[in-house]
C-alpha atoms as a PDB file:
ATOM      1  CA  MET A   1       0.013   0.239   0.290  1.00  0.00           C
ATOM      2  CA  VAL A   2       1.354   3.325  -1.022  1.00  0.00           C
ATOM      3  CA  SER A   3       1.444   5.842   2.373  1.00  0.00           C
ATOM      4  CA  ALA A   4      -0.450   8.967   2.231  1.00  0.00           C
ATOM      5  CA  ALA A   5       2.003  11.530   3.587  1.00  0.00           C
ATOM      6  CA  PRO A   6       3.851  13.448   0.989  1.00  0.00           C
ATOM      7  CA  ARG A   7       8.064  13.194   0.964  1.00  0.00           C
ATOM      8  CA  LEU A   8       8.759  17.079   0.381  1.00  0.00           C
ATOM      9  CA  VAL A   9      11.737  19.410  -0.345  1.00  0.00           C
ATOM     10  CA  VAL A  10      11.491  23.212  -0.130  1.00  0.00           C
ATOM     11  CA  ILE A  11      14.031  25.197  -1.305  1.00  0.00           C
ATOM     12  CA  GLY A  12      14.851  28.897  -1.148  1.00  0.00           C
ATOM     13  CA  ALA A  13      16.968  31.901  -1.058  1.00  0.00           C
ATOM     14  CA  ASN A  14      15.202  33.675   1.227  1.00  0.00           C
ATOM     15  CA  GLU A  15      15.135  32.232   4.367  1.00  0.00           C
ATOM     16  CA  GLY A  16      12.117  33.817   5.887  1.00  0.00           C
ATOM     17  CA  ALA A  17       9.829  32.636   3.105  1.00  0.00           C
ATOM     18  CA  ARG A  18      11.077  29.392   2.905  1.00  0.00           C
ATOM     19  CA  LEU A  19      10.659  28.565   6.629  1.00  0.00           C
ATOM     20  CA  ALA A  20       7.126  29.648   6.645  1.00  0.00           C
ATOM     21  CA  ARG A  21       6.320  27.841   3.858  1.00  0.00           C
ATOM     22  CA  ALA A  22       7.771  24.678   5.068  1.00  0.00           C
ATOM     23  CA  ALA A  23       6.099  24.802   8.414  1.00  0.00           C
ATOM     24  CA  ARG A  24       2.423  25.166   6.562  1.00  0.00           C
ATOM     25  CA  LEU A  25       2.731  22.352   4.166  1.00  0.00           C
ATOM     26  CA  ALA A  26       4.175  20.411   7.369  1.00  0.00           C
ATOM     27  CA  GLY A  27       1.322  21.526   9.401  1.00  0.00           C
ATOM     28  CA  HIS A  28      -1.154  20.874   6.589  1.00  0.00           C
ATOM     29  CA  TYR A  29      -0.164  17.113   6.003  1.00  0.00           C
ATOM     30  CA  GLY A  30       0.686  16.284   9.918  1.00  0.00           C
ATOM     31  CA  ILE A  31       4.211  15.549   8.898  1.00  0.00           C
ATOM     32  CA  PRO A  32       7.100  17.070  10.659  1.00  0.00           C
ATOM     33  CA  ARG A  33       9.716  20.032   9.508  1.00  0.00           C
ATOM     34  CA  LEU A  34      13.357  18.993   9.133  1.00  0.00           C
ATOM     35  CA  PRO A  35      15.903  21.468   8.156  1.00  0.00           C
ATOM     36  CA  ALA A  36      18.143  19.849   5.880  1.00  0.00           C
ATOM     37  CA  ALA A  37      21.264  21.681   7.869  1.00  0.00           C
ATOM     38  CA  ASP A  38      20.445  19.409  10.636  1.00  0.00           C
ATOM     39  CA  LEU A  39      19.742  15.796   8.496  1.00  0.00           C
ATOM     40  CA  LEU A  40      23.331  16.493   6.710  1.00  0.00           C
ATOM     41  CA  LEU A  41      25.129  16.965  10.267  1.00  0.00           C
ATOM     42  CA  ARG A  42      23.639  14.240  12.178  1.00  0.00           C
ATOM     43  CA  ARG A  43      22.758  11.812   9.585  1.00  0.00           C
ATOM     44  CA  GLN A  44      19.312  10.907  11.272  1.00  0.00           C
ATOM     45  CA  PRO A  45      17.360   8.702   9.521  1.00  0.00           C
ATOM     46  CA  LEU A  46      13.986   9.728   7.845  1.00  0.00           C
ATOM     47  CA  PRO A  47      10.924   9.583   8.814  1.00  0.00           C
ATOM     48  CA  PRO A  48       8.691   6.910   7.090  1.00  0.00           C
ATOM     49  CA  GLY A  49       5.683   8.688   7.620  1.00  0.00           C
ATOM     50  CA  GLY A  50       6.722  11.755   5.227  1.00  0.00           C
ATOM     51  CA  TYR A  51       8.493  14.599   5.749  1.00  0.00           C
ATOM     52  CA  VAL A  52       8.965  18.078   4.786  1.00  0.00           C
ATOM     53  CA  ILE A  53      12.723  19.245   4.697  1.00  0.00           C
ATOM     54  CA  ASP A  54      13.620  22.827   4.168  1.00  0.00           C
ATOM     55  CA  SER A  55      17.024  23.828   2.754  1.00  0.00           C
ATOM     56  CA  ALA A  56      18.849  26.448   1.121  1.00  0.00           C
ATOM     57  CA  PRO A  57      19.674  25.685  -2.598  1.00  0.00           C
ATOM     58  CA  GLN A  58      23.528  25.566  -1.875  1.00  0.00           C
ATOM     59  CA  LEU A  59      23.159  22.627   0.560  1.00  0.00           C
ATOM     60  CA  LEU A  60      21.316  20.487  -1.949  1.00  0.00           C
ATOM     61  CA  ASP A  61      24.466  20.340  -4.421  1.00  0.00           C
ATOM     62  CA  GLY A  62      26.157  18.206  -2.881  1.00  0.00           C
ATOM     63  CA  SER A  63      26.870  14.360  -3.983  1.00  0.00           C
ATOM     64  CA  SER A  64      26.748  10.834  -2.448  1.00  0.00           C
ATOM     65  CA  GLY A  65      29.326   9.118  -4.295  1.00  0.00           C
ATOM     66  CA  ILE A  66      30.050   9.885  -7.353  1.00  0.00           C
ATOM     67  CA  GLY A  67      27.141  11.544  -9.361  1.00  0.00           C
ATOM     68  CA  GLY A  68      24.795  10.326  -7.172  1.00  0.00           C
ATOM     69  CA  LEU A  69      22.373  12.808  -5.271  1.00  0.00           C
ATOM     70  CA  ARG A  70      22.149  12.654  -1.299  1.00  0.00           C
ATOM     71  CA  PRO A  71      19.722   9.914  -0.149  1.00  0.00           C
ATOM     72  CA  ALA A  72      17.478  12.392   1.734  1.00  0.00           C
ATOM     73  CA  LEU A  73      16.655  14.023  -2.249  1.00  0.00           C
ATOM     74  CA  ALA A  74      16.541  11.027  -4.018  1.00  0.00           C
ATOM     75  CA  PHE A  75      13.387   9.882  -2.229  1.00  0.00           C
ATOM     76  CA  ALA A  76      11.567  12.930  -1.880  1.00  0.00           C
ATOM     77  CA  ASP A  77       8.159  13.341  -4.175  1.00  0.00           C
ATOM     78  CA  LEU A  78       8.469  16.696  -5.100  1.00  0.00           C
ATOM     79  CA  VAL A  79      10.958  19.853  -4.904  1.00  0.00           C
ATOM     80  CA  VAL A  80       9.084  22.799  -4.319  1.00  0.00           C
ATOM     81  CA  LEU A  81      11.147  25.567  -5.458  1.00  0.00           C
ATOM     82  CA  LEU A  82      10.339  29.067  -3.882  1.00  0.00           C
ATOM     83  CA  HIS A  83      11.971  32.056  -6.250  1.00  0.00           C
ATOM     84  CA  GLY A  84      11.396  35.706  -7.236  1.00  0.00           C
ATOM     85  CA  GLU A  85      12.166  37.100  -9.965  1.00  0.00           C
ATOM     86  CA  GLU A  86      15.772  38.383  -8.361  1.00  0.00           C
ATOM     87  CA  TRP A  87      16.699  35.025  -7.283  1.00  0.00           C
ATOM     88  CA  THR A  88      19.858  33.701  -8.816  1.00  0.00           C
ATOM     89  CA  GLY A  89      20.042  30.542  -6.702  1.00  0.00           C
ATOM     90  CA  ALA A  90      19.574  28.167  -9.675  1.00  0.00           C
ATOM     91  CA  ASP A  91      23.224  28.684 -10.684  1.00  0.00           C
ATOM     92  CA  GLU A  92      23.878  27.118  -6.394  1.00  0.00           C
ATOM     93  CA  ALA A  93      21.935  24.192  -7.265  1.00  0.00           C
ATOM     94  CA  ARG A  94      21.746  23.449 -11.160  1.00  0.00           C
ATOM     95  CA  ARG A  95      22.635  20.018 -10.807  1.00  0.00           C
ATOM     96  CA  VAL A  96      19.869  19.022  -8.620  1.00  0.00           C
ATOM     97  CA  LEU A  97      17.310  21.219 -10.286  1.00  0.00           C
ATOM     98  CA  ARG A  98      17.738  19.736 -13.834  1.00  0.00           C
ATOM     99  CA  TYR A  99      17.531  16.199 -11.919  1.00  0.00           C
ATOM    100  CA  TYR A 100      14.182  16.800 -10.318  1.00  0.00           C
ATOM    101  CA  GLU A 101      12.785  18.577 -13.743  1.00  0.00           C
ATOM    102  CA  ALA A 102      13.844  15.777 -15.756  1.00  0.00           C
ATOM    103  CA  ARG A 103      11.840  13.153 -13.528  1.00  0.00           C
ATOM    104  CA  GLY A 104       8.836  15.736 -13.782  1.00  0.00           C
ATOM    105  CA  MET A 105       9.526  16.224  -9.929  1.00  0.00           C
ATOM    106  CA  LEU A 106      10.009  19.950  -9.687  1.00  0.00           C
ATOM    107  CA  ALA A 107       7.660  22.651  -8.665  1.00  0.00           C
ATOM    108  CA  ALA A 108       8.506  26.692  -9.136  1.00  0.00           C
ATOM    109  CA  PHE A 109       6.522  29.251  -7.198  1.00  0.00           C
ATOM    110  CA  PRO A 110       7.075  32.754  -6.468  1.00  0.00           C
ATOM    111  CA  PRO A 111       7.175  32.697  -2.475  1.00  0.00           C
ATOM    112  CA  ASP A 112       4.277  34.688  -2.383  1.00  0.00           C
ATOM    113  CA  ALA A 113       2.242  31.964  -4.099  1.00  0.00           C
ATOM    114  CA  PRO A 114      -0.992  30.811  -2.136  1.00  0.00           C
ATOM    115  CA  ASP A 115      -0.932  27.519  -0.302  1.00  0.00           C
ATOM    116  CA  GLY A 116      -3.691  26.236  -2.022  1.00  0.00           C
ATOM    117  CA  ASP A 117      -1.485  26.299  -5.417  1.00  0.00           C
ATOM    118  CA  LEU A 118       1.230  24.074  -3.654  1.00  0.00           C
ATOM    119  CA  ILE A 119      -0.930  21.821  -2.105  1.00  0.00           C
ATOM    120  CA  VAL A 120      -2.988  21.149  -5.188  1.00  0.00           C
ATOM    121  CA  ALA A 121       0.271  20.030  -6.636  1.00  0.00           C
ATOM    122  CA  VAL A 122       1.865  17.934  -3.771  1.00  0.00           C
ATOM    123  CA  ASP A 123      -1.924  16.538  -3.890  1.00  0.00           C
ATOM    124  CA  ALA A 124      -1.396  15.273  -7.621  1.00  0.00           C
ATOM    125  CA  VAL A 125       2.062  13.953  -7.076  1.00  0.00           C
ATOM    126  CA  LEU A 126       0.870  11.791  -4.417  1.00  0.00           C
ATOM    127  CA  ARG A 127      -2.140  10.043  -6.584  1.00  0.00           C
ATOM    128  CA  GLY A 128       0.159   9.721  -8.975  1.00  0.00           C
ATOM    129  CA  ARG A 129       2.573   7.841  -6.639  1.00  0.00           C
ATOM    130  CA  THR A 130       2.472   3.691  -7.306  1.00  0.00           C
ATOM    131  CA  GLU A 131       4.654   2.850  -4.828  1.00  0.00           C
ATOM    132  CA  ASP A 132       6.707   3.418  -1.638  1.00  0.00           C
ATOM    133  CA  PRO A 133      10.389   3.631  -2.026  1.00  0.00           C
ATOM    134  CA  PRO A 134      12.028   0.348  -0.812  1.00  0.00           C
ATOM    135  CA  GLY A 135      13.032   1.334   3.129  1.00  0.00           C
ATOM    136  CA  GLY A 136      14.048   5.015   2.561  1.00  0.00           C
ATOM    137  CA  PRO A 137      17.783   5.800   2.250  1.00  0.00           C
ATOM    138  CA  ALA A 138      20.152   3.263   4.067  1.00  0.00           C
ATOM    139  CA  GLY A 139      22.615   5.382   6.676  1.00  0.00           C
ATOM    140  CA  GLY A 140      20.507   8.732   6.814  1.00  0.00           C
ATOM    141  CA  PRO A 141      20.815  11.356   4.332  1.00  0.00           C
END
């Protein structure tokens, strides 16, 4: 059976908007919000019941081995990119953004987009999910 809780990554250069949006999405779905810096430093396992990871773009572009993404990112259902007209953060996380765009799992929104717009995108991804990942990443993020 496929779980109903999403595995989300919210990225954006504006920390205040990103943190607030990640907290609201986590509250809406009843799942924990996890700062990426904490996950990466502590290497804690991801919760099996869904999560919202919030991160600055530069934290996401690190790799796990040759050519691989950090495991926390590889298992996400959707990456929500919050960007304004002045944001140039795509240069900082280009590889990660291309990976998720190619998979059809990147949704870009302006920071002031209504929460409902993001929830519609997340719900569409959940409806399209056919299986859960096999046990999540081994050894944490």
